[in-house]
Amino acid sequence: MEMRTYTLADDGALQRYVSTFWPRHIQSLQKYGITVHGVWIEQSSGDRRVVALVGYRPGEDPRHLAESYRNSVDFVDDHANFDIELITSTHTVRLDPIPSSPLRWDRH
């Protein structure tokens, strides 16, 4: 799994990102073996941050799946009408669940 954090340029960009971009994105990513477990707006900071928890099929290479998506028509469609320059930074953290974690890819 990965936790991805995106910082947006302004409030309008944040609202368009979560109301228009992410709903399409969640559906498209499923076609490429990428599951979105949740998307949140970070409340604890003054920055405009969106946090997504994504998972990959066991044994799959996340980079390969992401590359397949980035080279697709779905990627182009997802990004239509959203200026990617409004994302001012991104941060990705890989997460490995502990054995007793209730959210594990191999259980879904």
C-alpha atoms as a PDB file:
ATOM      1  CA  MET A   1       0.000   0.000   0.000  1.00  0.00           C
ATOM      2  CA  GLU A   2       0.949   3.607  -0.385  1.00  0.00           C
ATOM      3  CA  MET A   3      -0.137   6.806   1.262  1.00  0.00           C
ATOM      4  CA  ARG A   4       0.002   9.636  -1.257  1.00  0.00           C
ATOM      5  CA  THR A   5      -0.250  13.278  -0.256  1.00  0.00           C
ATOM      6  CA  TYR A   6      -0.980  16.030  -2.772  1.00  0.00           C
ATOM      7  CA  THR A   7      -0.744  19.732  -1.937  1.00  0.00           C
ATOM      8  CA  LEU A   8      -2.951  22.043  -4.014  1.00  0.00           C
ATOM      9  CA  ALA A   9      -2.314  25.659  -4.947  1.00  0.00           C
ATOM     10  CA  ASP A  10      -5.560  27.167  -3.664  1.00  0.00           C
ATOM     11  CA  ASP A  11      -9.021  26.372  -2.275  1.00  0.00           C
ATOM     12  CA  GLY A  12     -10.649  26.290  -5.704  1.00  0.00           C
ATOM     13  CA  ALA A  13      -8.088  23.807  -6.984  1.00  0.00           C
ATOM     14  CA  LEU A  14      -8.630  21.634  -3.914  1.00  0.00           C
ATOM     15  CA  GLN A  15     -12.394  21.560  -4.449  1.00  0.00           C
ATOM     16  CA  ARG A  16     -12.091  20.720  -8.162  1.00  0.00           C
ATOM     17  CA  TYR A  17      -9.506  18.056  -7.356  1.00  0.00           C
ATOM     18  CA  VAL A  18     -11.730  16.227  -4.866  1.00  0.00           C
ATOM     19  CA  SER A  19     -15.087  16.785  -6.595  1.00  0.00           C
ATOM     20  CA  THR A  20     -14.155  16.219 -10.249  1.00  0.00           C
ATOM     21  CA  PHE A  21     -10.753  14.559 -10.574  1.00  0.00           C
ATOM     22  CA  TRP A  22     -10.814  11.947  -7.794  1.00  0.00           C
ATOM     23  CA  PRO A  23     -14.218  10.390  -8.557  1.00  0.00           C
ATOM     24  CA  ARG A  24     -13.044   9.620 -12.135  1.00  0.00           C
ATOM     25  CA  HIS A  25      -9.591   8.606 -10.941  1.00  0.00           C
ATOM     26  CA  ILE A  26     -10.877   6.051  -8.415  1.00  0.00           C
ATOM     27  CA  GLN A  27     -12.833   4.232 -11.116  1.00  0.00           C
ATOM     28  CA  SER A  28     -10.048   4.343 -13.725  1.00  0.00           C
ATOM     29  CA  LEU A  29      -7.312   3.070 -11.431  1.00  0.00           C
ATOM     30  CA  GLN A  30      -9.270  -0.124 -10.743  1.00  0.00           C
ATOM     31  CA  LYS A  31      -8.781  -1.158 -14.392  1.00  0.00           C
ATOM     32  CA  TYR A  32      -5.014  -1.144 -13.809  1.00  0.00           C
ATOM     33  CA  GLY A  33      -4.963  -3.179 -10.589  1.00  0.00           C
ATOM     34  CA  ILE A  34      -4.767  -0.146  -8.308  1.00  0.00           C
ATOM     35  CA  THR A  35      -7.368   0.073  -5.532  1.00  0.00           C
ATOM     36  CA  VAL A  36      -8.151   3.358  -3.818  1.00  0.00           C
ATOM     37  CA  HIS A  37      -9.048   2.518  -0.207  1.00  0.00           C
ATOM     38  CA  GLY A  38      -9.867   6.110   0.695  1.00  0.00           C
ATOM     39  CA  VAL A  39      -9.257   9.777  -0.076  1.00  0.00           C
ATOM     40  CA  TRP A  40      -9.273  12.493   2.584  1.00  0.00           C
ATOM     41  CA  ILE A  41      -8.716  16.227   2.909  1.00  0.00           C
ATOM     42  CA  GLU A  42      -6.127  16.841   5.623  1.00  0.00           C
ATOM     43  CA  GLN A  43      -7.627  19.006   8.344  1.00  0.00           C
ATOM     44  CA  SER A  44      -4.648  19.412  10.678  1.00  0.00           C
ATOM     45  CA  SER A  45      -2.576  21.686   8.521  1.00  0.00           C
ATOM     46  CA  GLY A  46      -3.111  25.102   7.006  1.00  0.00           C
ATOM     47  CA  ASP A  47      -2.070  23.694   3.633  1.00  0.00           C
ATOM     48  CA  ARG A  48      -4.534  22.343   1.102  1.00  0.00           C
ATOM     49  CA  ARG A  49      -3.645  18.651   1.196  1.00  0.00           C
ATOM     50  CA  VAL A  50      -5.402  15.579  -0.127  1.00  0.00           C
ATOM     51  CA  VAL A  51      -4.320  12.187   1.198  1.00  0.00           C
ATOM     52  CA  ALA A  52      -5.071   8.933  -0.639  1.00  0.00           C
ATOM     53  CA  LEU A  53      -4.497   5.364   0.520  1.00  0.00           C
ATOM     54  CA  VAL A  54      -3.941   3.058  -2.452  1.00  0.00           C
ATOM     55  CA  GLY A  55      -3.208  -0.643  -2.721  1.00  0.00           C
ATOM     56  CA  TYR A  56      -1.900  -2.976  -5.386  1.00  0.00           C
ATOM     57  CA  ARG A  57      -2.565  -6.623  -6.188  1.00  0.00           C
ATOM     58  CA  PRO A  58      -0.200  -9.006  -4.359  1.00  0.00           C
ATOM     59  CA  GLY A  59       2.924  -9.726  -6.383  1.00  0.00           C
ATOM     60  CA  GLU A  60       2.419  -6.796  -8.745  1.00  0.00           C
ATOM     61  CA  ASP A  61       4.996  -4.079  -9.256  1.00  0.00           C
ATOM     62  CA  PRO A  62       3.370  -0.740  -8.286  1.00  0.00           C
ATOM     63  CA  ARG A  63       5.648   1.166 -10.668  1.00  0.00           C
ATOM     64  CA  HIS A  64       4.625  -1.020 -13.598  1.00  0.00           C
ATOM     65  CA  LEU A  65       0.900  -0.663 -12.798  1.00  0.00           C
ATOM     66  CA  ALA A  66       1.241   3.118 -12.429  1.00  0.00           C
ATOM     67  CA  GLU A  67       3.160   3.313 -15.726  1.00  0.00           C
ATOM     68  CA  SER A  68       0.436   1.327 -17.508  1.00  0.00           C
ATOM     69  CA  TYR A  69      -2.140   3.773 -16.197  1.00  0.00           C
ATOM     70  CA  ARG A  70      -0.043   6.852 -17.109  1.00  0.00           C
ATOM     71  CA  ASN A  71       0.241   5.585 -20.698  1.00  0.00           C
ATOM     72  CA  SER A  72      -3.510   5.092 -21.082  1.00  0.00           C
ATOM     73  CA  VAL A  73      -6.453   7.004 -22.495  1.00  0.00           C
ATOM     74  CA  ASP A  74      -7.970   6.774 -19.003  1.00  0.00           C
ATOM     75  CA  PHE A  75      -5.100   8.915 -17.674  1.00  0.00           C
ATOM     76  CA  VAL A  76      -5.771  11.565 -20.320  1.00  0.00           C
ATOM     77  CA  ASP A  77      -9.509  11.492 -19.595  1.00  0.00           C
ATOM     78  CA  ASP A  78      -9.009  11.695 -15.810  1.00  0.00           C
ATOM     79  CA  HIS A  79      -6.809  14.751 -16.158  1.00  0.00           C
ATOM     80  CA  ALA A  80      -9.055  16.564 -18.645  1.00  0.00           C
ATOM     81  CA  ASN A  81     -10.228  19.918 -17.333  1.00  0.00           C
ATOM     82  CA  PHE A  82      -7.830  19.861 -14.378  1.00  0.00           C
ATOM     83  CA  ASP A  83      -4.589  21.832 -14.575  1.00  0.00           C
ATOM     84  CA  ILE A  84      -1.971  19.491 -13.099  1.00  0.00           C
ATOM     85  CA  GLU A  85       0.177  22.558 -12.340  1.00  0.00           C
ATOM     86  CA  LEU A  86      -2.263  23.294  -9.494  1.00  0.00           C
ATOM     87  CA  ILE A  87      -0.701  20.370  -7.600  1.00  0.00           C
ATOM     88  CA  THR A  88       2.251  22.093  -5.974  1.00  0.00           C
ATOM     89  CA  SER A  89       3.808  19.002  -4.366  1.00  0.00           C
ATOM     90  CA  THR A  90       3.343  15.266  -3.989  1.00  0.00           C
ATOM     91  CA  HIS A  91       4.670  12.854  -1.402  1.00  0.00           C
ATOM     92  CA  THR A  92       4.415   9.049  -1.440  1.00  0.00           C
ATOM     93  CA  VAL A  93       5.067   6.711   1.491  1.00  0.00           C
ATOM     94  CA  ARG A  94       5.040   2.929   1.106  1.00  0.00           C
ATOM     95  CA  LEU A  95       3.162   1.147   3.897  1.00  0.00           C
ATOM     96  CA  ASP A  96       3.453  -2.514   4.913  1.00  0.00           C
ATOM     97  CA  PRO A  97       0.695  -3.744   7.241  1.00  0.00           C
ATOM     98  CA  ILE A  98       1.506  -5.538  10.469  1.00  0.00           C
ATOM     99  CA  PRO A  99       0.128  -9.114  10.681  1.00  0.00           C
ATOM    100  CA  SER A 100      -2.843  -8.092  12.842  1.00  0.00           C
ATOM    101  CA  SER A 101      -3.820  -5.049  10.733  1.00  0.00           C
ATOM    102  CA  PRO A 102      -7.531  -5.046   9.827  1.00  0.00           C
ATOM    103  CA  LEU A 103      -6.776  -3.430   6.440  1.00  0.00           C
ATOM    104  CA  ARG A 104      -4.648  -5.800   4.410  1.00  0.00           C
ATOM    105  CA  TRP A 105      -4.653  -6.253   0.649  1.00  0.00           C
ATOM    106  CA  ASP A 106      -4.609 -10.062   0.929  1.00  0.00           C
ATOM    107  CA  ARG A 107      -7.932  -9.945   2.807  1.00  0.00           C
ATOM    108  CA  HIS A 108      -9.770  -7.923   0.114  1.00  0.00           C
END
